[in-house]
Amino acid sequence: MKTSLVPPEYVRHIYPEIEKYLDRLVPVTNGRFERIDLVHDMLIQRENLWIITDDEEYIVGIVMTEIMYYPRKRILAIQYCAGDNLDDWMDSTLEVLENWAVDNDCKAMELTGRRGWVKKLKLQSWEEEFVVVKKDKLEKTKLSLVKSENKDGKGKQKQSTPASYTKRGDDHLSEQTA
């Protein structure tokens, strides 16, 4: 197995061969990206495309990475990975990516993905660092006004009143949304 970085100008040439892997990635973005968005990010060099080829030079997987520039360190982020027979090429691909990260002054590597990656990567000395929690189907709720005894809002809070409360006659109370 061989892992190779694809220059952006070659993405269009291999697109027919990687299209099926991109289609596998779209559902795991949970509505964040469509295939065209992923390709766009490769073409503008926001994401780096890596292909994994077998002995006959057939593409058996892809990995998309991005160098993240944090205030204190640069990290190679593995954003997406899709392919066939992952266990056959994962170790060698991670080795290539780590060498490339070091060559590009990255101090670490990170991967965002499903929980199954934690167990798989633990054997490679990776450790779980964060948990991402999300909420879909957001709804706008009605906020309540909170009364405080000082106009600066630093007083003892009184009972909440509905947001529709508009009485302005109390000079010793200030209104704030909660």
N, C-alpha and C. Protein backbone atom coordinates (compact mmCIF):
# COMPACT_ATOMS: atom_id res chain seq x y z
N MET A 1 0.84 -1.18 0.00
CA MET A 1 0.00 0.00 0.00
C MET A 1 0.89 1.25 0.00
N LYS A 2 0.43 2.25 -0.69
CA LYS A 2 1.20 3.49 -0.80
C LYS A 2 0.26 4.67 -0.52
N THR A 3 0.74 5.62 0.29
CA THR A 3 -0.01 6.82 0.61
C THR A 3 0.66 8.00 -0.08
N SER A 4 -0.12 8.76 -0.85
CA SER A 4 0.44 9.87 -1.63
C SER A 4 -0.39 11.13 -1.47
N LEU A 5 0.28 12.26 -1.37
CA LEU A 5 -0.38 13.56 -1.34
C LEU A 5 -0.72 13.95 -2.78
N VAL A 6 -1.96 14.40 -2.98
CA VAL A 6 -2.41 14.79 -4.32
C VAL A 6 -2.38 16.31 -4.44
N PRO A 7 -1.58 16.85 -5.35
CA PRO A 7 -1.60 18.30 -5.55
C PRO A 7 -2.99 18.73 -6.05
N PRO A 8 -3.44 19.92 -5.66
CA PRO A 8 -4.80 20.37 -6.03
C PRO A 8 -5.08 20.31 -7.53
N GLU A 9 -4.07 20.58 -8.35
CA GLU A 9 -4.30 20.59 -9.79
C GLU A 9 -4.57 19.19 -10.36
N TYR A 10 -4.33 18.14 -9.58
CA TYR A 10 -4.58 16.77 -10.04
C TYR A 10 -5.90 16.19 -9.51
N VAL A 11 -6.56 16.92 -8.63
CA VAL A 11 -7.82 16.42 -8.05
C VAL A 11 -8.84 16.12 -9.14
N ARG A 12 -8.97 17.00 -10.12
CA ARG A 12 -9.97 16.77 -11.18
C ARG A 12 -9.67 15.53 -12.01
N HIS A 13 -8.39 15.18 -12.13
CA HIS A 13 -8.01 14.01 -12.91
C HIS A 13 -8.38 12.69 -12.22
N ILE A 14 -8.32 12.69 -10.90
CA ILE A 14 -8.62 11.45 -10.18
C ILE A 14 -10.03 11.45 -9.58
N TYR A 15 -10.75 12.54 -9.80
CA TYR A 15 -12.09 12.67 -9.21
C TYR A 15 -12.97 11.44 -9.46
N PRO A 16 -13.05 10.92 -10.68
CA PRO A 16 -13.91 9.74 -10.89
C PRO A 16 -13.55 8.56 -10.00
N GLU A 17 -12.27 8.44 -9.64
CA GLU A 17 -11.82 7.33 -8.81
C GLU A 17 -12.07 7.56 -7.31
N ILE A 18 -12.21 8.81 -6.89
CA ILE A 18 -12.41 9.08 -5.46
C ILE A 18 -13.86 9.45 -5.13
N GLU A 19 -14.67 9.61 -6.15
CA GLU A 19 -16.06 10.03 -5.95
C GLU A 19 -16.81 9.11 -4.98
N LYS A 20 -16.62 7.81 -5.09
CA LYS A 20 -17.34 6.88 -4.21
C LYS A 20 -16.92 7.06 -2.75
N TYR A 21 -15.66 7.42 -2.52
CA TYR A 21 -15.20 7.65 -1.14
C TYR A 21 -15.74 8.96 -0.58
N LEU A 22 -15.82 9.97 -1.44
CA LEU A 22 -16.42 11.23 -1.03
C LEU A 22 -17.89 11.02 -0.65
N ASP A 23 -18.58 10.18 -1.41
CA ASP A 23 -19.98 9.89 -1.10
C ASP A 23 -20.13 9.21 0.26
N ARG A 24 -19.14 8.44 0.67
CA ARG A 24 -19.16 7.82 2.00
C ARG A 24 -18.94 8.87 3.10
N LEU A 25 -18.19 9.91 2.78
CA LEU A 25 -17.87 10.92 3.79
C LEU A 25 -19.04 11.86 4.07
N VAL A 26 -19.81 12.19 3.05
CA VAL A 26 -20.88 13.18 3.21
C VAL A 26 -21.81 12.85 4.38
N PRO A 27 -22.30 11.63 4.54
CA PRO A 27 -23.20 11.36 5.68
C PRO A 27 -22.55 11.57 7.04
N VAL A 28 -21.25 11.32 7.16
CA VAL A 28 -20.61 11.46 8.47
C VAL A 28 -20.30 12.92 8.81
N THR A 29 -20.54 13.84 7.87
CA THR A 29 -20.39 15.26 8.19
C THR A 29 -21.64 15.79 8.87
N ASN A 30 -22.69 14.97 8.95
CA ASN A 30 -23.94 15.35 9.61
C ASN A 30 -24.50 16.67 9.08
N GLY A 31 -24.53 16.79 7.77
CA GLY A 31 -25.11 17.97 7.14
C GLY A 31 -24.18 19.16 7.04
N ARG A 32 -22.94 19.02 7.45
CA ARG A 32 -22.01 20.15 7.40
C ARG A 32 -21.46 20.36 5.98
N PHE A 33 -21.28 19.26 5.22
CA PHE A 33 -20.68 19.35 3.89
C PHE A 33 -21.42 18.44 2.91
N GLU A 34 -21.40 18.85 1.66
CA GLU A 34 -21.79 18.01 0.54
C GLU A 34 -20.51 17.69 -0.23
N ARG A 35 -20.60 16.81 -1.18
CA ARG A 35 -19.41 16.40 -1.95
C ARG A 35 -18.73 17.61 -2.58
N ILE A 36 -19.50 18.51 -3.16
CA ILE A 36 -18.92 19.68 -3.83
C ILE A 36 -18.12 20.54 -2.85
N ASP A 37 -18.56 20.61 -1.60
CA ASP A 37 -17.84 21.39 -0.59
C ASP A 37 -16.48 20.76 -0.28
N LEU A 38 -16.46 19.44 -0.18
CA LEU A 38 -15.20 18.74 0.09
C LEU A 38 -14.21 18.93 -1.06
N VAL A 39 -14.71 18.83 -2.28
CA VAL A 39 -13.84 19.02 -3.45
C VAL A 39 -13.35 20.46 -3.50
N HIS A 40 -14.22 21.39 -3.23
CA HIS A 40 -13.83 22.81 -3.21
C HIS A 40 -12.69 23.04 -2.22
N ASP A 41 -12.80 22.47 -1.03
CA ASP A 41 -11.76 22.64 -0.02
C ASP A 41 -10.42 22.04 -0.48
N MET A 42 -10.47 20.97 -1.26
CA MET A 42 -9.23 20.40 -1.82
C MET A 42 -8.64 21.33 -2.87
N LEU A 43 -9.49 21.86 -3.72
CA LEU A 43 -9.02 22.69 -4.83
C LEU A 43 -8.42 24.01 -4.35
N ILE A 44 -8.95 24.57 -3.26
CA ILE A 44 -8.41 25.84 -2.76
C ILE A 44 -7.32 25.62 -1.70
N GLN A 45 -6.95 24.38 -1.50
CA GLN A 45 -5.88 23.96 -0.58
C GLN A 45 -6.22 24.22 0.89
N ARG A 46 -7.49 24.26 1.22
CA ARG A 46 -7.88 24.29 2.62
C ARG A 46 -7.66 22.91 3.21
N GLU A 47 -7.96 21.90 2.43
CA GLU A 47 -7.77 20.50 2.82
C GLU A 47 -6.75 19.87 1.88
N ASN A 48 -5.96 18.96 2.42
CA ASN A 48 -5.03 18.19 1.60
C ASN A 48 -5.63 16.81 1.36
N LEU A 49 -5.62 16.39 0.12
CA LEU A 49 -6.12 15.06 -0.23
C LEU A 49 -4.96 14.09 -0.31
N TRP A 50 -5.12 12.98 0.39
CA TRP A 50 -4.16 11.88 0.35
C TRP A 50 -4.89 10.68 -0.23
N ILE A 51 -4.24 9.96 -1.15
CA ILE A 51 -4.84 8.74 -1.68
C ILE A 51 -3.99 7.55 -1.25
N ILE A 52 -4.66 6.45 -1.04
CA ILE A 52 -3.98 5.21 -0.70
C ILE A 52 -4.21 4.28 -1.88
N THR A 53 -3.11 3.76 -2.43
CA THR A 53 -3.22 2.87 -3.58
C THR A 53 -2.66 1.50 -3.23
N ASP A 54 -3.22 0.50 -3.88
CA ASP A 54 -2.73 -0.87 -3.66
C ASP A 54 -1.58 -1.16 -4.62
N ASP A 55 -1.13 -2.40 -4.65
CA ASP A 55 0.02 -2.78 -5.49
C ASP A 55 -0.24 -2.59 -6.98
N GLU A 56 -1.51 -2.64 -7.37
CA GLU A 56 -1.85 -2.44 -8.79
C GLU A 56 -2.15 -0.97 -9.11
N GLU A 57 -1.90 -0.08 -8.14
CA GLU A 57 -2.12 1.37 -8.31
C GLU A 57 -3.59 1.77 -8.32
N TYR A 58 -4.48 0.93 -7.80
CA TYR A 58 -5.89 1.30 -7.66
C TYR A 58 -6.06 2.05 -6.34
N ILE A 59 -6.88 3.08 -6.37
CA ILE A 59 -7.15 3.84 -5.15
C ILE A 59 -8.08 3.02 -4.26
N VAL A 60 -7.62 2.76 -3.03
CA VAL A 60 -8.42 1.97 -2.09
C VAL A 60 -8.90 2.80 -0.91
N GLY A 61 -8.47 4.06 -0.85
CA GLY A 61 -8.91 4.92 0.24
C GLY A 61 -8.42 6.34 0.08
N ILE A 62 -9.05 7.23 0.82
CA ILE A 62 -8.63 8.63 0.83
C ILE A 62 -8.62 9.14 2.27
N VAL A 63 -7.77 10.12 2.49
CA VAL A 63 -7.72 10.83 3.77
C VAL A 63 -7.64 12.31 3.43
N MET A 64 -8.39 13.11 4.17
CA MET A 64 -8.31 14.56 4.00
C MET A 64 -7.77 15.16 5.29
N THR A 65 -6.73 16.00 5.15
CA THR A 65 -6.11 16.62 6.31
C THR A 65 -6.11 18.13 6.15
N GLU A 66 -5.93 18.79 7.27
CA GLU A 66 -5.84 20.25 7.28
C GLU A 66 -4.88 20.66 8.38
N ILE A 67 -4.00 21.59 8.09
CA ILE A 67 -3.12 22.11 9.14
C ILE A 67 -3.90 23.19 9.89
N MET A 68 -4.04 22.98 11.19
CA MET A 68 -4.75 23.93 12.05
C MET A 68 -3.72 24.84 12.71
N TYR A 69 -3.94 26.13 12.59
CA TYR A 69 -3.02 27.11 13.17
C TYR A 69 -3.64 27.68 14.44
N TYR A 70 -3.29 27.09 15.56
CA TYR A 70 -3.75 27.58 16.85
C TYR A 70 -2.76 28.63 17.35
N PRO A 71 -3.15 29.46 18.30
CA PRO A 71 -2.22 30.51 18.77
C PRO A 71 -0.89 29.97 19.29
N ARG A 72 -0.86 28.79 19.88
CA ARG A 72 0.37 28.29 20.49
C ARG A 72 1.00 27.11 19.77
N LYS A 73 0.30 26.51 18.83
CA LYS A 73 0.89 25.39 18.11
C LYS A 73 0.14 25.12 16.82
N ARG A 74 0.84 24.44 15.95
CA ARG A 74 0.29 24.01 14.66
C ARG A 74 0.03 22.51 14.77
N ILE A 75 -1.16 22.10 14.34
CA ILE A 75 -1.56 20.69 14.47
C ILE A 75 -2.08 20.20 13.12
N LEU A 76 -1.69 18.98 12.75
CA LEU A 76 -2.26 18.36 11.56
C LEU A 76 -3.55 17.66 11.97
N ALA A 77 -4.65 18.12 11.41
CA ALA A 77 -5.96 17.54 11.70
C ALA A 77 -6.35 16.58 10.58
N ILE A 78 -6.66 15.36 10.97
CA ILE A 78 -7.21 14.40 10.01
C ILE A 78 -8.71 14.63 10.05
N GLN A 79 -9.21 15.22 8.98
CA GLN A 79 -10.62 15.62 8.95
C GLN A 79 -11.53 14.48 8.49
N TYR A 80 -11.11 13.74 7.47
CA TYR A 80 -11.95 12.69 6.91
C TYR A 80 -11.10 11.53 6.43
N CYS A 81 -11.70 10.36 6.49
CA CYS A 81 -11.03 9.15 6.04
C CYS A 81 -12.09 8.18 5.54
N ALA A 82 -11.90 7.63 4.36
CA ALA A 82 -12.83 6.63 3.83
C ALA A 82 -12.04 5.69 2.93
N GLY A 83 -12.44 4.44 2.92
CA GLY A 83 -11.76 3.50 2.04
C GLY A 83 -12.15 2.07 2.32
N ASP A 84 -11.49 1.20 1.60
CA ASP A 84 -11.71 -0.24 1.74
C ASP A 84 -10.52 -0.85 2.48
N ASN A 85 -10.79 -1.84 3.30
CA ASN A 85 -9.74 -2.58 4.02
C ASN A 85 -8.82 -1.65 4.81
N LEU A 86 -9.42 -0.79 5.61
CA LEU A 86 -8.68 0.20 6.40
C LEU A 86 -7.54 -0.41 7.20
N ASP A 87 -7.76 -1.57 7.77
CA ASP A 87 -6.71 -2.19 8.58
C ASP A 87 -5.45 -2.51 7.78
N ASP A 88 -5.58 -2.65 6.47
CA ASP A 88 -4.42 -2.95 5.62
C ASP A 88 -3.52 -1.73 5.41
N TRP A 89 -4.07 -0.53 5.55
CA TRP A 89 -3.26 0.65 5.23
C TRP A 89 -3.25 1.73 6.31
N MET A 90 -4.01 1.57 7.38
CA MET A 90 -4.09 2.62 8.40
C MET A 90 -2.73 2.92 9.04
N ASP A 91 -2.01 1.90 9.48
CA ASP A 91 -0.73 2.12 10.17
C ASP A 91 0.29 2.83 9.28
N SER A 92 0.43 2.36 8.06
CA SER A 92 1.42 2.99 7.16
C SER A 92 1.00 4.41 6.78
N THR A 93 -0.29 4.65 6.64
CA THR A 93 -0.77 5.99 6.30
C THR A 93 -0.54 6.94 7.46
N LEU A 94 -0.81 6.50 8.68
CA LEU A 94 -0.56 7.35 9.84
C LEU A 94 0.92 7.71 9.95
N GLU A 95 1.79 6.76 9.61
CA GLU A 95 3.23 7.02 9.63
C GLU A 95 3.61 8.10 8.61
N VAL A 96 3.07 7.99 7.41
CA VAL A 96 3.32 9.00 6.37
C VAL A 96 2.81 10.37 6.83
N LEU A 97 1.59 10.40 7.36
CA LEU A 97 1.00 11.67 7.81
C LEU A 97 1.80 12.29 8.95
N GLU A 98 2.27 11.46 9.87
CA GLU A 98 3.06 11.99 10.98
C GLU A 98 4.38 12.58 10.48
N ASN A 99 5.04 11.90 9.57
CA ASN A 99 6.27 12.44 9.00
C ASN A 99 6.02 13.77 8.29
N TRP A 100 4.93 13.83 7.55
CA TRP A 100 4.58 15.06 6.84
C TRP A 100 4.25 16.18 7.83
N ALA A 101 3.58 15.82 8.92
CA ALA A 101 3.25 16.81 9.96
C ALA A 101 4.54 17.39 10.56
N VAL A 102 5.48 16.54 10.87
CA VAL A 102 6.76 17.00 11.43
C VAL A 102 7.47 17.90 10.42
N ASP A 103 7.48 17.50 9.15
CA ASP A 103 8.12 18.31 8.11
C ASP A 103 7.47 19.68 7.96
N ASN A 104 6.20 19.78 8.37
CA ASN A 104 5.46 21.04 8.27
C ASN A 104 5.31 21.74 9.61
N ASP A 105 6.23 21.44 10.52
CA ASP A 105 6.31 22.10 11.84
C ASP A 105 5.06 21.93 12.70
N CYS A 106 4.34 20.83 12.51
CA CYS A 106 3.20 20.53 13.38
C CYS A 106 3.73 19.89 14.66
N LYS A 107 3.13 20.25 15.77
CA LYS A 107 3.55 19.72 17.07
C LYS A 107 2.69 18.53 17.50
N ALA A 108 1.60 18.30 16.79
CA ALA A 108 0.69 17.21 17.15
C ALA A 108 -0.19 16.88 15.95
N MET A 109 -0.95 15.81 16.10
CA MET A 109 -1.97 15.44 15.13
C MET A 109 -3.27 15.24 15.90
N GLU A 110 -4.39 15.53 15.24
CA GLU A 110 -5.69 15.30 15.86
C GLU A 110 -6.65 14.75 14.83
N LEU A 111 -7.64 14.05 15.32
CA LEU A 111 -8.65 13.46 14.45
C LEU A 111 -10.00 13.66 15.11
N THR A 112 -10.96 14.13 14.35
CA THR A 112 -12.33 14.24 14.81
C THR A 112 -13.12 13.17 14.07
N GLY A 113 -13.82 12.34 14.83
CA GLY A 113 -14.56 11.27 14.18
C GLY A 113 -15.42 10.51 15.16
N ARG A 114 -15.89 9.38 14.71
CA ARG A 114 -16.75 8.54 15.55
C ARG A 114 -15.93 7.89 16.66
N ARG A 115 -16.60 7.49 17.71
CA ARG A 115 -15.96 6.94 18.90
C ARG A 115 -15.09 5.73 18.58
N GLY A 116 -15.40 4.97 17.55
CA GLY A 116 -14.60 3.79 17.19
C GLY A 116 -13.14 4.12 16.92
N TRP A 117 -12.85 5.35 16.51
CA TRP A 117 -11.47 5.76 16.27
C TRP A 117 -10.64 5.76 17.55
N VAL A 118 -11.26 6.03 18.68
CA VAL A 118 -10.52 6.10 19.95
C VAL A 118 -9.83 4.77 20.21
N LYS A 119 -10.59 3.69 20.12
CA LYS A 119 -10.03 2.36 20.38
C LYS A 119 -9.00 1.98 19.31
N LYS A 120 -9.30 2.27 18.06
CA LYS A 120 -8.41 1.92 16.96
C LYS A 120 -7.07 2.66 17.05
N LEU A 121 -7.12 3.92 17.44
CA LEU A 121 -5.90 4.73 17.48
C LEU A 121 -5.13 4.62 18.79
N LYS A 122 -5.76 4.08 19.81
CA LYS A 122 -5.08 3.91 21.10
C LYS A 122 -3.82 3.05 20.93
N LEU A 123 -3.87 2.09 20.04
CA LEU A 123 -2.71 1.24 19.77
C LEU A 123 -1.55 2.02 19.15
N GLN A 124 -1.86 3.19 18.60
CA GLN A 124 -0.85 4.04 17.97
C GLN A 124 -0.40 5.18 18.90
N SER A 125 -0.71 5.05 20.20
CA SER A 125 -0.35 6.06 21.21
C SER A 125 -1.16 7.35 21.10
N TRP A 126 -2.34 7.28 20.50
CA TRP A 126 -3.23 8.42 20.48
C TRP A 126 -4.07 8.37 21.75
N GLU A 127 -4.51 9.51 22.23
CA GLU A 127 -5.39 9.53 23.40
C GLU A 127 -6.57 10.46 23.17
N GLU A 128 -7.69 10.08 23.76
CA GLU A 128 -8.89 10.90 23.64
C GLU A 128 -8.67 12.20 24.40
N GLU A 129 -8.98 13.32 23.75
CA GLU A 129 -8.75 14.62 24.36
C GLU A 129 -10.04 15.36 24.66
N PHE A 130 -11.00 15.34 23.76
CA PHE A 130 -12.24 16.07 23.92
C PHE A 130 -13.43 15.18 23.58
N VAL A 131 -14.57 15.61 24.01
CA VAL A 131 -15.82 15.03 23.57
C VAL A 131 -16.62 16.18 22.97
N VAL A 132 -17.18 15.98 21.80
CA VAL A 132 -18.00 16.99 21.16
C VAL A 132 -19.45 16.63 21.40
N VAL A 133 -20.19 17.59 21.90
CA VAL A 133 -21.61 17.40 22.17
C VAL A 133 -22.36 18.40 21.31
N LYS A 134 -23.44 17.98 20.67
CA LYS A 134 -24.18 18.90 19.82
C LYS A 134 -25.67 18.75 20.06
N LYS A 135 -26.39 19.74 19.62
CA LYS A 135 -27.84 19.72 19.69
C LYS A 135 -28.37 20.16 18.34
N ASP A 136 -29.21 19.33 17.73
CA ASP A 136 -29.87 19.66 16.47
C ASP A 136 -31.27 20.18 16.75
N LYS A 137 -31.92 20.60 15.70
CA LYS A 137 -33.32 21.06 15.79
C LYS A 137 -33.48 22.17 16.82
N LEU A 138 -32.70 23.21 16.65
CA LEU A 138 -32.75 24.33 17.58
C LEU A 138 -34.08 25.07 17.44
N GLU A 139 -34.56 25.56 18.55
CA GLU A 139 -35.80 26.34 18.57
C GLU A 139 -35.55 27.62 19.34
N LYS A 140 -36.14 28.68 18.85
CA LYS A 140 -36.03 29.95 19.56
C LYS A 140 -37.04 29.93 20.70
N THR A 141 -36.56 30.26 21.89
CA THR A 141 -37.44 30.26 23.05
C THR A 141 -37.71 31.69 23.48
N LYS A 142 -38.76 31.86 24.25
CA LYS A 142 -39.11 33.18 24.75
C LYS A 142 -38.28 33.44 26.00
N LEU A 143 -37.51 34.51 26.00
CA LEU A 143 -36.69 34.86 27.15
C LEU A 143 -37.52 35.61 28.18
N SER A 144 -37.10 35.54 29.42
CA SER A 144 -37.79 36.24 30.50
C SER A 144 -36.95 37.43 30.93
N LEU A 145 -37.62 38.43 31.49
CA LEU A 145 -36.91 39.56 32.07
C LEU A 145 -36.57 39.23 33.51
N VAL A 146 -35.38 39.63 33.93
CA VAL A 146 -34.95 39.40 35.30
C VAL A 146 -34.84 40.76 35.96
N LYS A 147 -35.43 40.92 37.12
CA LYS A 147 -35.40 42.19 37.83
C LYS A 147 -34.27 42.15 38.85
N SER A 148 -33.54 43.25 38.96
CA SER A 148 -32.53 43.38 40.01
C SER A 148 -32.78 44.71 40.71
N GLU A 149 -32.29 44.84 41.94
CA GLU A 149 -32.61 46.03 42.73
C GLU A 149 -31.80 47.25 42.32
N ASN A 150 -30.66 47.07 41.66
CA ASN A 150 -29.84 48.21 41.26
C ASN A 150 -29.94 48.42 39.77
N LYS A 151 -29.82 49.67 39.34
CA LYS A 151 -29.88 49.97 37.91
C LYS A 151 -28.69 49.38 37.16
N ASP A 152 -27.58 49.16 37.85
CA ASP A 152 -26.40 48.59 37.19
C ASP A 152 -26.51 47.08 37.04
N GLY A 153 -27.58 46.48 37.54
CA GLY A 153 -27.78 45.04 37.39
C GLY A 153 -27.04 44.20 38.41
N LYS A 154 -26.45 44.82 39.45
CA LYS A 154 -25.64 44.07 40.41
C LYS A 154 -26.37 43.88 41.74
N GLY A 155 -27.63 43.85 41.72
CA GLY A 155 -28.37 43.70 42.97
C GLY A 155 -28.94 42.32 43.15
N LYS A 156 -29.71 42.17 44.21
CA LYS A 156 -30.38 40.90 44.48
C LYS A 156 -31.45 40.69 43.42
N GLN A 157 -31.49 39.50 42.83
CA GLN A 157 -32.47 39.23 41.78
C GLN A 157 -33.83 38.96 42.38
N LYS A 158 -34.85 39.48 41.70
CA LYS A 158 -36.23 39.20 42.07
C LYS A 158 -36.81 38.22 41.07
N GLN A 159 -38.03 37.87 41.28
CA GLN A 159 -38.71 36.88 40.45
C GLN A 159 -38.77 37.31 38.99
N SER A 160 -38.64 36.35 38.09
CA SER A 160 -38.69 36.59 36.64
C SER A 160 -40.09 36.95 36.23
N THR A 161 -40.16 37.77 35.18
CA THR A 161 -41.45 38.10 34.59
C THR A 161 -41.35 37.81 33.11
N PRO A 162 -42.46 37.58 32.46
CA PRO A 162 -42.42 37.27 31.03
C PRO A 162 -41.80 38.41 30.22
N ALA A 163 -41.24 38.07 29.05
CA ALA A 163 -40.59 39.06 28.19
C ALA A 163 -41.57 40.12 27.73
N SER A 164 -42.86 39.84 27.77
CA SER A 164 -43.84 40.81 27.33
C SER A 164 -44.08 41.89 28.37
N TYR A 165 -43.50 41.76 29.57
CA TYR A 165 -43.64 42.74 30.65
C TYR A 165 -42.96 44.03 30.23
N THR A 166 -43.69 45.14 30.22
CA THR A 166 -43.11 46.39 29.74
C THR A 166 -43.25 47.54 30.73
N LYS A 167 -43.66 47.30 31.95
CA LYS A 167 -43.81 48.36 32.94
C LYS A 167 -42.46 48.99 33.21
N ARG A 168 -42.37 50.31 33.11
CA ARG A 168 -41.11 51.02 33.29
C ARG A 168 -41.17 51.98 34.47
N GLY A 169 -42.18 51.95 35.27
CA GLY A 169 -42.38 52.93 36.33
C GLY A 169 -41.50 52.78 37.55
N ASP A 170 -40.94 51.59 37.82
CA ASP A 170 -40.12 51.37 39.00
C ASP A 170 -38.71 51.87 38.77
N ASP A 171 -38.32 53.02 39.39
CA ASP A 171 -37.00 53.58 39.17
C ASP A 171 -35.90 52.79 39.86
N HIS A 172 -36.22 52.06 40.91
CA HIS A 172 -35.19 51.32 41.62
C HIS A 172 -34.95 49.92 41.05
N LEU A 173 -35.65 49.55 39.99
CA LEU A 173 -35.47 48.23 39.36
C LEU A 173 -34.92 48.40 37.95
N SER A 174 -34.02 47.54 37.54
CA SER A 174 -33.56 47.57 36.15
C SER A 174 -33.97 46.24 35.50
N GLU A 175 -34.23 46.27 34.20
CA GLU A 175 -34.65 45.08 33.49
C GLU A 175 -33.48 44.51 32.70
N GLN A 176 -33.31 43.20 32.76
CA GLN A 176 -32.27 42.52 31.99
C GLN A 176 -32.87 41.24 31.45
N THR A 177 -32.39 40.84 30.29
CA THR A 177 -32.85 39.53 29.78
C THR A 177 -31.98 38.45 30.35
N ALA A 178 -32.59 37.30 30.56
CA ALA A 178 -31.84 36.17 31.10
C ALA A 178 -31.74 35.10 30.07
